Amino acid sequence: MGTPRVTQKAIAERLGLTQAAVSLALASNHSIPVETQERVQAAAREMGYIPDPYLSGLSAYRKHVRPVHFQATLAWLSNYPDAEGWRSSYTFLNYFKGALHRAAELGYKLEEHWLNDEGMTSARMERILITRNINGLLIAPQPRPHVCMTFPFHRFSAVTFGYTLSEPKLHLAALHQFRSMRIAIREVLSLGYRRPGLALADDSDLRADHNWSASFWSEQRRLPARDRVPPLLSRSLDKASFLKWFFRHRPDVVLAIWPAVYDWLVEAGESVPGTIGLALLSVPDEGRKFSGIWENPRLIGAKAVEFVVDMIHRRETGIPSVPNSILVEGTWAPGRTVRALP
């Protein structure tokens, strides 16, 4: 006969605790004192406790078929200089909406917390989150690339969005920019365009960990040399620098992030899509006007919630030794700014 499975009940009996307390302590629930959590988790390791996969599966099934009831709260943690700054991005706002909806489906609330509130410190925010029994954090996109955060992540399960948080390196959910650029280029080529040109601010490429430019160059290698348009990667992309590049190299379709490029082309006398095509790498309207890539931002937000909830269930906290990335492919939106060429 095999060795009997170590149960939570056995751990509870050994430590003189209730089974409910042991279960919460194993989940690093903040309602249990840290000292008790550490004592329970040490005993579990010593006794060889392994969660029963069949019970875990049964629990997941019950959650799926039964009405969802409130379980706990997650935090949306923003580091913008202004409390509402991240909301100015259509994409970030939809990350939040997708996260909010998925959290509710799983029985969680999602609260907004702002790290730069008056008098706020990392230590004070930690106390607030613990007091509110919040175990899971969604770290909102940062206001700029290469941001370093000093925060006591060891107490929490945390997932961030994209690549703007440079340190610490957390698990992340993001658009698969490399494949999305590939999708965009191959779609415009299938319409008959031959000379795609990329116009990006350096900041936009940095926010994507250079995946936009890397993918563009990878795809451009497949084109005949005469059709390879040098990309415009500008520290400060503005109308003057864009039009100088455009009239010098004459791409027949422009790939860009900013919708303002449409206005610059029209103001310069071009017809979109009559004389020039335009494909945005992140359309703001699901393709109702602009052609290009729909990021599926609500799905990205939902996947971030699923990731952090799974971390909570696995009792995984702190900075990961090997960060994982969930990459969601963009969807081609036909829009009205490219056309099939004869």
Protein backbone atom coordinates (compact mmCIF):
# COMPACT_ATOMS: atom_id res chain seq x y z
CA MET A 1 0.00 0.00 0.00
CA GLY A 2 1.15 3.54 -0.74
CA THR A 3 1.83 6.24 1.82
CA PRO A 4 -1.43 7.92 2.90
CA ARG A 5 -1.93 11.39 1.43
CA VAL A 6 -1.22 14.21 3.86
CA THR A 7 -4.41 16.26 4.28
CA GLN A 8 -5.15 19.75 5.51
CA LYS A 9 -6.96 18.12 8.42
CA ALA A 10 -3.74 16.33 9.44
CA ILE A 11 -1.81 19.60 9.33
CA ALA A 12 -4.52 21.28 11.40
CA GLU A 13 -4.43 18.55 14.04
CA ARG A 14 -0.66 18.74 14.29
CA LEU A 15 -0.65 22.51 14.76
CA GLY A 16 -3.80 22.81 16.85
CA LEU A 17 -5.62 24.89 14.24
CA THR A 18 -8.90 24.54 12.40
CA GLN A 19 -8.89 23.07 8.90
CA ALA A 20 -10.34 26.34 7.61
CA ALA A 21 -7.42 28.28 9.09
CA VAL A 22 -4.94 25.87 7.49
CA SER A 23 -6.65 26.23 4.10
CA LEU A 24 -6.48 30.03 4.31
CA ALA A 25 -2.88 29.96 5.52
CA LEU A 26 -1.84 27.74 2.62
CA ALA A 27 -3.46 30.28 0.29
CA SER A 28 -1.46 33.11 1.97
CA ASN A 29 -4.74 34.79 2.83
CA HIS A 30 -4.15 38.06 4.67
CA SER A 31 -6.86 37.23 7.22
CA ILE A 32 -4.31 34.82 8.74
CA PRO A 33 -1.29 36.35 10.53
CA VAL A 34 1.97 36.06 8.59
CA GLU A 35 3.58 34.05 11.39
CA THR A 36 0.75 31.51 11.23
CA GLN A 37 0.96 31.34 7.44
CA GLU A 38 4.67 30.61 7.63
CA ARG A 39 4.16 28.00 10.36
CA VAL A 40 1.45 26.21 8.38
CA GLN A 41 3.38 26.33 5.11
CA ALA A 42 6.54 25.03 6.81
CA ALA A 43 4.57 22.15 8.36
CA ALA A 44 2.97 21.38 4.99
CA ARG A 45 6.40 21.14 3.34
CA GLU A 46 7.78 19.03 6.17
CA MET A 47 4.81 16.65 6.10
CA GLY A 48 4.89 16.37 2.30
CA TYR A 49 1.49 17.97 1.71
CA ILE A 50 0.43 18.08 -1.96
CA PRO A 51 -2.95 19.53 -3.01
CA ASP A 52 -5.33 16.87 -4.32
CA PRO A 53 -5.71 17.51 -8.08
CA TYR A 54 -9.10 15.77 -8.15
CA LEU A 55 -10.45 18.01 -5.41
CA SER A 56 -9.01 21.04 -7.19
CA GLY A 57 -10.75 19.95 -10.38
CA LEU A 58 -14.01 19.38 -8.52
CA SER A 59 -13.74 22.83 -6.96
CA ALA A 60 -13.18 24.40 -10.38
CA TYR A 61 -16.16 22.50 -11.80
CA ARG A 62 -18.44 23.62 -8.98
CA LYS A 63 -17.39 27.23 -9.49
CA HIS A 64 -18.21 26.86 -13.19
CA VAL A 65 -21.72 25.41 -12.80
CA ARG A 66 -22.88 27.27 -9.70
CA PRO A 67 -23.74 30.95 -9.44
CA VAL A 68 -20.60 32.91 -8.59
CA HIS A 69 -20.51 34.54 -5.17
CA PHE A 70 -18.09 37.18 -3.98
CA GLN A 71 -14.80 35.58 -2.89
CA ALA A 72 -12.24 38.35 -2.46
CA THR A 73 -10.86 41.57 -3.90
CA LEU A 74 -8.10 42.26 -6.40
CA ALA A 75 -6.32 45.61 -6.77
CA TRP A 76 -5.69 47.59 -9.95
CA LEU A 77 -2.52 49.43 -8.93
CA SER A 78 -1.68 52.57 -10.91
CA ASN A 79 1.64 54.41 -10.87
CA TYR A 80 0.68 57.39 -13.06
CA PRO A 81 1.45 60.93 -11.82
CA ASP A 82 -2.29 61.63 -12.07
CA ALA A 83 -4.89 59.26 -10.62
CA GLU A 84 -6.86 59.16 -13.87
CA GLY A 85 -3.89 59.38 -16.24
CA TRP A 86 -4.06 55.80 -17.48
CA ARG A 87 -7.70 56.28 -18.49
CA SER A 88 -6.65 58.57 -21.35
CA SER A 89 -5.54 55.47 -23.24
CA TYR A 90 -8.41 53.66 -24.96
CA THR A 91 -6.39 50.45 -24.77
CA PHE A 92 -5.57 50.72 -21.06
CA LEU A 93 -9.16 51.58 -20.22
CA ASN A 94 -10.28 48.43 -22.00
CA TYR A 95 -7.67 46.36 -20.18
CA PHE A 96 -9.39 47.54 -17.01
CA LYS A 97 -12.91 46.87 -18.30
CA GLY A 98 -11.95 43.37 -19.41
CA ALA A 99 -10.29 42.71 -16.06
CA LEU A 100 -13.29 44.05 -14.15
CA HIS A 101 -15.70 41.83 -16.06
CA ARG A 102 -13.61 38.67 -15.76
CA ALA A 103 -12.96 39.29 -12.07
CA ALA A 104 -16.71 39.50 -11.45
CA GLU A 105 -17.24 36.23 -13.33
CA LEU A 106 -14.73 34.57 -11.00
CA GLY A 107 -16.25 36.08 -7.88
CA TYR A 108 -13.75 38.88 -7.31
CA LYS A 109 -14.11 42.61 -6.98
CA LEU A 110 -11.52 44.87 -8.61
CA GLU A 111 -10.57 48.02 -6.71
CA GLU A 112 -8.51 50.93 -8.04
CA HIS A 113 -5.55 52.03 -5.94
CA TRP A 114 -3.13 54.87 -6.76
CA LEU A 115 0.50 54.72 -5.64
CA ASN A 116 1.06 58.46 -6.04
CA ASP A 117 -1.82 59.64 -3.87
CA GLU A 118 -0.93 62.42 -1.42
CA GLY A 119 1.07 61.02 1.49
CA MET A 120 1.15 57.55 -0.05
CA THR A 121 4.20 55.31 0.36
CA SER A 122 4.79 51.71 -0.64
CA ALA A 123 4.64 50.66 3.01
CA ARG A 124 1.35 52.47 3.54
CA MET A 125 -0.13 50.95 0.37
CA GLU A 126 0.96 47.51 1.57
CA ARG A 127 -0.89 48.06 4.86
CA ILE A 128 -4.01 49.26 3.04
CA LEU A 129 -4.05 46.21 0.77
CA ILE A 130 -3.47 43.79 3.64
CA THR A 131 -6.16 45.46 5.74
CA ARG A 132 -8.57 45.05 2.83
CA ASN A 133 -7.51 41.40 2.50
CA ILE A 134 -6.26 41.91 -1.06
CA ASN A 135 -3.89 39.17 -2.23
CA GLY A 136 -3.78 39.80 -5.98
CA LEU A 137 -2.48 42.84 -7.86
CA LEU A 138 -2.88 43.95 -11.46
CA ILE A 139 -0.11 46.47 -12.08
CA ALA A 140 -1.47 48.98 -14.60
CA PRO A 141 0.71 49.96 -17.59
CA GLN A 142 3.34 52.52 -16.63
CA PRO A 143 3.29 56.14 -17.83
CA ARG A 144 6.58 55.65 -19.71
CA PRO A 145 9.00 52.86 -20.64
CA HIS A 146 11.71 51.53 -18.32
CA VAL A 147 9.97 52.24 -15.01
CA CYS A 148 11.40 50.71 -11.82
CA MET A 149 9.05 50.17 -8.87
CA THR A 150 10.00 49.72 -5.24
CA PHE A 151 7.16 47.79 -3.66
CA PRO A 152 6.87 44.82 -1.23
CA PHE A 153 5.69 42.32 -3.84
CA HIS A 154 6.68 39.37 -1.62
CA ARG A 155 3.27 39.53 0.06
CA PHE A 156 1.21 39.50 -3.14
CA SER A 157 0.43 37.68 -6.38
CA ALA A 158 1.06 40.21 -9.14
CA VAL A 159 0.72 40.49 -12.92
CA THR A 160 1.50 43.53 -15.04
CA PHE A 161 0.60 44.65 -18.57
CA GLY A 162 3.13 44.99 -21.36
CA TYR A 163 6.81 45.82 -21.01
CA THR A 164 6.91 49.30 -19.45
CA LEU A 165 7.70 47.97 -15.97
CA SER A 166 11.42 47.29 -16.23
CA GLU A 167 12.07 46.26 -12.62
CA PRO A 168 11.02 44.08 -10.98
CA LYS A 169 10.25 41.65 -13.78
CA LEU A 170 6.79 40.28 -13.09
CA HIS A 171 4.53 37.93 -15.03
CA LEU A 172 2.79 39.92 -17.75
CA ALA A 173 -0.10 39.95 -20.20
CA ALA A 174 0.31 41.82 -23.47
CA LEU A 175 -0.54 42.10 -27.13
CA HIS A 176 1.70 39.85 -29.23
CA GLN A 177 3.16 42.81 -31.11
CA PHE A 178 5.60 40.75 -33.17
CA ARG A 179 2.90 38.54 -34.65
CA SER A 180 0.46 41.43 -34.91
CA MET A 181 2.88 43.37 -37.11
CA ARG A 182 3.26 40.26 -39.24
CA ILE A 183 -0.52 40.01 -39.56
CA ALA A 184 -0.79 43.68 -40.56
CA ILE A 185 1.92 43.51 -43.22
CA ARG A 186 0.64 40.30 -44.75
CA GLU A 187 -2.90 41.67 -44.86
CA VAL A 188 -1.89 44.83 -46.72
CA LEU A 189 0.30 42.84 -49.10
CA SER A 190 -2.66 40.56 -49.84
CA LEU A 191 -4.64 43.67 -50.84
CA GLY A 192 -2.03 44.54 -53.45
CA TYR A 193 0.16 47.05 -51.59
CA ARG A 194 3.87 46.56 -52.28
CA ARG A 195 5.77 49.22 -50.30
CA PRO A 196 4.68 49.25 -46.64
CA GLY A 197 6.32 51.92 -44.53
CA LEU A 198 6.50 52.06 -40.74
CA ALA A 199 6.25 55.40 -38.88
CA LEU A 200 6.65 55.19 -35.10
CA ALA A 201 7.77 57.33 -32.21
CA ASP A 202 10.65 55.74 -30.32
CA ASP A 203 8.47 55.72 -27.21
CA SER A 204 5.86 53.53 -28.92
CA ASP A 205 8.50 50.99 -29.93
CA LEU A 206 10.11 51.06 -26.47
CA ARG A 207 6.73 50.37 -24.86
CA ALA A 208 6.55 47.26 -27.04
CA ASP A 209 10.10 46.15 -26.15
CA HIS A 210 11.04 46.87 -29.80
CA ASN A 211 8.73 44.13 -31.05
CA TRP A 212 7.12 46.46 -33.61
CA SER A 213 10.38 47.38 -35.36
CA ALA A 214 11.85 43.88 -35.03
CA SER A 215 8.85 42.31 -36.71
CA PHE A 216 8.73 44.98 -39.42
CA TRP A 217 12.36 44.36 -40.35
CA SER A 218 11.78 40.60 -40.26
CA GLU A 219 8.89 40.90 -42.71
CA GLN A 220 10.62 43.51 -44.86
CA ARG A 221 13.44 41.05 -45.60
CA ARG A 222 10.94 39.06 -47.65
CA LEU A 223 10.24 41.98 -49.99
CA PRO A 224 12.17 42.82 -53.16
CA ALA A 225 14.92 45.36 -52.39
CA ARG A 226 13.16 48.06 -54.43
CA ASP A 227 10.08 47.80 -52.18
CA ARG A 228 11.88 48.11 -48.84
CA VAL A 229 10.99 51.48 -47.34
CA PRO A 230 13.30 52.64 -44.52
CA PRO A 231 11.19 52.88 -41.34
CA LEU A 232 10.75 56.21 -39.60
CA LEU A 233 11.63 55.71 -35.93
CA SER A 234 11.65 59.20 -34.50
CA ARG A 235 12.36 60.43 -30.99
CA SER A 236 9.61 62.98 -31.51
CA LEU A 237 7.26 61.92 -34.29
CA ASP A 238 5.50 65.03 -35.58
CA LYS A 239 3.80 66.19 -38.74
CA ALA A 240 6.91 67.81 -40.24
CA SER A 241 9.22 64.82 -39.73
CA PHE A 242 6.54 62.41 -40.90
CA LEU A 243 5.76 64.26 -44.13
CA LYS A 244 9.46 64.73 -44.91
CA TRP A 245 9.92 60.94 -44.64
CA PHE A 246 6.69 60.21 -46.51
CA PHE A 247 7.41 62.36 -49.57
CA ARG A 248 11.03 61.20 -49.71
CA HIS A 249 10.30 57.46 -49.68
CA ARG A 250 6.70 57.30 -50.95
CA PRO A 251 5.38 54.12 -49.29
CA ASP A 252 2.03 53.04 -50.73
CA VAL A 253 0.69 52.10 -47.28
CA VAL A 254 1.72 53.49 -43.89
CA LEU A 255 1.78 51.44 -40.67
CA ALA A 256 1.53 53.62 -37.58
CA ILE A 257 0.22 53.82 -34.03
CA TRP A 258 -1.18 57.34 -33.89
CA PRO A 259 -4.52 58.17 -35.58
CA ALA A 260 -3.11 61.69 -36.12
CA VAL A 261 -1.17 60.28 -39.09
CA TYR A 262 -4.49 60.13 -40.96
CA ASP A 263 -4.97 63.90 -40.51
CA TRP A 264 -1.38 64.65 -41.55
CA LEU A 265 -1.83 62.74 -44.79
CA VAL A 266 -5.15 64.39 -45.63
CA GLU A 267 -3.81 67.86 -44.80
CA ALA A 268 -0.90 67.17 -47.18
CA GLY A 269 -3.37 66.54 -50.01
CA GLU A 270 -3.44 62.75 -49.94
CA SER A 271 -6.62 60.68 -50.15
CA VAL A 272 -6.92 57.83 -47.64
CA PRO A 273 -7.33 55.15 -48.95
CA GLY A 274 -7.51 56.61 -52.47
CA THR A 275 -3.84 57.52 -52.99
CA ILE A 276 -2.34 56.06 -49.82
CA GLY A 277 -3.31 53.29 -47.42
CA LEU A 278 -3.11 53.59 -43.64
CA ALA A 279 -3.11 50.69 -41.18
CA LEU A 280 -2.94 51.42 -37.46
CA LEU A 281 -1.16 48.93 -35.22
CA SER A 282 -3.71 49.56 -32.48
CA VAL A 283 -7.07 50.68 -33.85
CA PRO A 284 -9.14 52.65 -31.32
CA ASP A 285 -12.54 51.73 -32.72
CA GLU A 286 -12.51 47.97 -33.48
CA GLY A 287 -12.15 48.82 -37.18
CA ARG A 288 -15.21 50.98 -37.68
CA LYS A 289 -13.05 53.66 -39.33
CA PHE A 290 -9.40 52.71 -39.22
CA SER A 291 -7.96 49.58 -40.78
CA GLY A 292 -5.33 47.74 -38.79
CA ILE A 293 -4.84 45.65 -35.67
CA TRP A 294 -7.49 45.34 -32.98
CA GLU A 295 -5.55 44.50 -29.82
CA ASN A 296 -8.38 42.60 -28.14
CA PRO A 297 -7.64 44.68 -25.01
CA ARG A 298 -10.54 43.37 -22.96
CA LEU A 299 -9.33 39.83 -23.56
CA ILE A 300 -5.84 40.87 -22.41
CA GLY A 301 -7.38 42.29 -19.22
CA ALA A 302 -9.37 39.09 -18.69
CA LYS A 303 -6.29 36.91 -19.17
CA ALA A 304 -4.37 38.98 -16.62
CA VAL A 305 -7.12 38.34 -14.06
CA GLU A 306 -7.13 34.60 -14.77
CA PHE A 307 -3.36 34.54 -14.35
CA VAL A 308 -3.36 36.36 -11.01
CA VAL A 309 -6.27 34.29 -9.66
CA ASP A 310 -4.41 31.11 -10.62
CA MET A 311 -1.35 32.48 -8.80
CA ILE A 312 -3.46 33.03 -5.69
CA HIS A 313 -4.74 29.46 -5.90
CA ARG A 314 -1.16 28.20 -6.30
CA ARG A 315 -0.06 30.38 -3.38
CA GLU A 316 2.53 31.98 -5.67
CA THR A 317 3.66 35.36 -4.39
CA GLY A 318 6.59 37.69 -4.88
CA ILE A 319 8.89 38.33 -7.81
CA PRO A 320 9.10 35.22 -10.03
CA SER A 321 12.45 33.62 -10.73
CA VAL A 322 11.29 33.02 -14.31
CA PRO A 323 8.66 35.56 -15.44
CA ASN A 324 5.92 34.20 -17.71
CA SER A 325 4.22 36.12 -20.51
CA ILE A 326 0.67 35.70 -21.80
CA LEU A 327 0.64 37.05 -25.36
CA VAL A 328 -2.69 37.68 -27.05
CA GLU A 329 -2.71 37.96 -30.85
CA GLY A 330 -4.24 40.98 -32.45
CA THR A 331 -7.10 40.65 -34.93
CA TRP A 332 -7.09 42.27 -38.37
CA ALA A 333 -9.79 44.94 -38.63
CA PRO A 334 -10.62 45.71 -42.31
CA GLY A 335 -11.77 49.26 -41.58
CA ARG A 336 -11.94 51.96 -44.24
CA THR A 337 -8.37 53.25 -44.57
CA VAL A 338 -6.98 50.55 -46.88
CA ARG A 339 -8.50 49.11 -50.04
CA ALA A 340 -7.96 46.30 -52.51
CA LEU A 341 -5.69 47.57 -55.27
CA PRO A 342 -6.23 46.62 -58.90
